[in-house]
Protein backbone atom coordinates (compact mmCIF):
# COMPACT_ATOMS: atom_id res chain seq x y z
CA UNK A 1 32.83 23.12 16.16
CA UNK A 2 35.81 25.10 15.01
CA UNK A 3 37.38 22.34 12.94
CA UNK A 4 35.79 22.31 9.48
CA UNK A 5 36.78 18.69 8.85
CA UNK A 6 34.95 17.63 12.00
CA UNK A 7 31.92 19.69 10.97
CA UNK A 8 31.80 17.98 7.56
CA UNK A 9 32.13 14.58 9.27
CA UNK A 10 29.17 15.46 11.52
CA UNK A 11 27.25 16.72 8.46
CA UNK A 12 27.73 13.38 6.73
CA UNK A 13 26.86 11.57 9.97
CA UNK A 14 23.52 13.41 10.00
CA UNK A 15 22.82 12.13 6.48
CA UNK A 16 23.72 8.59 7.60
CA UNK A 17 21.69 8.59 10.81
CA UNK A 18 18.61 6.34 10.64
CA UNK A 19 17.40 6.94 14.21
CA UNK A 20 15.04 9.92 14.07
CA UNK A 21 15.91 11.44 17.45
CA UNK A 22 19.66 10.98 16.99
CA UNK A 23 19.43 12.54 13.51
CA UNK A 24 17.52 15.53 14.89
CA UNK A 25 20.21 16.04 17.54
CA UNK A 26 22.92 15.96 14.86
CA UNK A 27 20.99 18.43 12.71
CA UNK A 28 20.74 20.82 15.68
CA UNK A 29 24.49 20.49 16.31
CA UNK A 30 25.52 20.97 12.68
CA UNK A 31 22.99 23.47 11.26
CA UNK A 32 21.77 26.89 12.35
CA UNK A 33 18.03 27.01 13.09
CA UNK A 34 17.27 28.78 9.79
CA UNK A 35 19.77 26.84 7.66
CA UNK A 36 18.94 26.48 3.99
CA UNK A 37 19.75 23.40 1.92
CA UNK A 38 19.50 23.51 -1.88
CA UNK A 39 20.34 20.85 -4.44
CA UNK A 40 18.89 20.06 -7.89
CA UNK A 41 15.98 18.15 -6.31
CA UNK A 42 14.96 20.23 -3.29
CA UNK A 43 15.21 23.55 -1.49
CA UNK A 44 14.41 23.51 2.22
CA UNK A 45 14.91 25.76 5.24
CA UNK A 46 15.07 24.93 8.94
CA UNK A 47 15.69 21.87 11.06
CA UNK A 48 12.31 20.16 10.49
CA UNK A 49 12.58 20.45 6.71
CA UNK A 50 16.20 19.25 6.76
CA UNK A 51 15.16 16.26 8.86
CA UNK A 52 12.33 15.42 6.45
CA UNK A 53 14.69 15.68 3.47
CA UNK A 54 17.32 13.45 5.06
CA UNK A 55 14.67 10.93 6.12
CA UNK A 56 13.38 10.78 2.52
CA UNK A 57 16.91 10.21 1.17
CA UNK A 58 17.51 7.51 3.80
CA UNK A 59 14.28 5.83 2.67
CA UNK A 60 15.23 6.00 -0.99
CA UNK A 61 18.79 4.75 -0.45
CA UNK A 62 18.34 2.42 2.52
CA UNK A 63 21.49 0.50 3.41
CA UNK A 64 23.83 2.91 1.62
CA UNK A 65 26.18 5.25 3.45
CA UNK A 66 27.52 8.74 2.84
CA UNK A 67 31.26 9.23 3.07
CA UNK A 68 33.85 11.79 2.07
CA UNK A 69 34.96 11.71 -1.53
CA UNK A 70 38.15 13.65 -0.92
CA UNK A 71 39.59 16.39 1.26
CA UNK A 72 37.64 19.41 2.48
CA UNK A 73 38.73 22.74 1.03
CA UNK A 74 37.79 25.78 3.10
CA UNK A 75 38.39 29.49 3.55
CA UNK A 76 36.55 32.49 5.01
CA UNK A 77 33.76 30.40 6.53
CA UNK A 78 33.02 28.53 3.30
CA UNK A 79 33.82 24.86 2.67
CA UNK A 80 33.56 22.68 -0.39
CA UNK A 81 33.75 18.92 -0.46
CA UNK A 82 32.84 15.89 -2.52
CA UNK A 83 30.82 13.07 -0.99
CA UNK A 84 29.98 9.54 -2.05
CA UNK A 85 26.87 7.48 -1.35
CA UNK A 86 27.14 3.73 -1.75
CA UNK A 87 27.47 0.42 0.02
CA UNK A 88 29.96 0.41 2.90
CA UNK A 89 33.41 -0.09 1.31
CA UNK A 90 31.92 -0.34 -2.20
CA UNK A 91 31.70 1.81 -5.29
CA UNK A 92 29.53 4.92 -4.90
CA UNK A 93 26.10 4.90 -6.51
CA UNK A 94 25.76 8.68 -6.13
CA UNK A 95 28.52 11.30 -6.09
CA UNK A 96 27.89 14.87 -5.05
CA UNK A 97 29.67 18.11 -4.35
CA UNK A 98 28.53 20.49 -1.62
CA UNK A 99 29.43 24.03 -0.72
CA UNK A 100 28.67 24.89 2.91
CA UNK A 101 28.53 28.41 4.29
CA UNK A 102 29.10 28.71 8.02
CA UNK A 103 27.25 31.00 10.37
CA UNK A 104 28.88 33.13 13.03
CA UNK A 105 28.46 30.30 15.57
CA UNK A 106 30.43 27.86 13.39
CA UNK A 107 27.41 25.81 12.33
CA UNK A 108 26.28 25.48 8.73
CA UNK A 109 23.79 28.15 7.63
CA UNK A 110 23.59 27.24 3.93
CA UNK A 111 24.40 24.28 1.72
CA UNK A 112 24.50 24.42 -2.06
CA UNK A 113 24.58 20.87 -3.35
CA UNK A 114 25.40 19.49 -6.78
CA UNK A 115 24.89 15.94 -8.03
CA UNK A 116 27.71 14.67 -10.24
CA UNK A 117 26.60 11.05 -10.56
CA UNK A 118 23.04 9.83 -10.05
CA UNK A 119 21.64 6.41 -10.97
CA UNK A 120 19.01 6.32 -13.71
CA UNK A 121 15.51 6.55 -12.30
CA UNK A 122 16.59 8.08 -8.98
């Protein structure tokens, strides 16, 4: 995956995938085996932990979808992008900002996530 926009699309697709096996395949395509994901709520490393984290988010926000919140900005193997989580075609319930660091193979090896808008009680 040399195109960073495609990689971010696949990243968001992994967060949207509800089928366990399909999600695990996407995670393997998008993330290095030892990838680390950190946001204000969790820090995890590796495919199994990423899968568990995404599954928990899917359970908490069932029926909502992740989508891009604007263009991807990238340089030197680092990308930053805003994402939205909300009903398909509706106003986002959650808005976040991620910084992804790519590994030598073009997959994501680290994500630093920030939450800009979170519903009360989430």
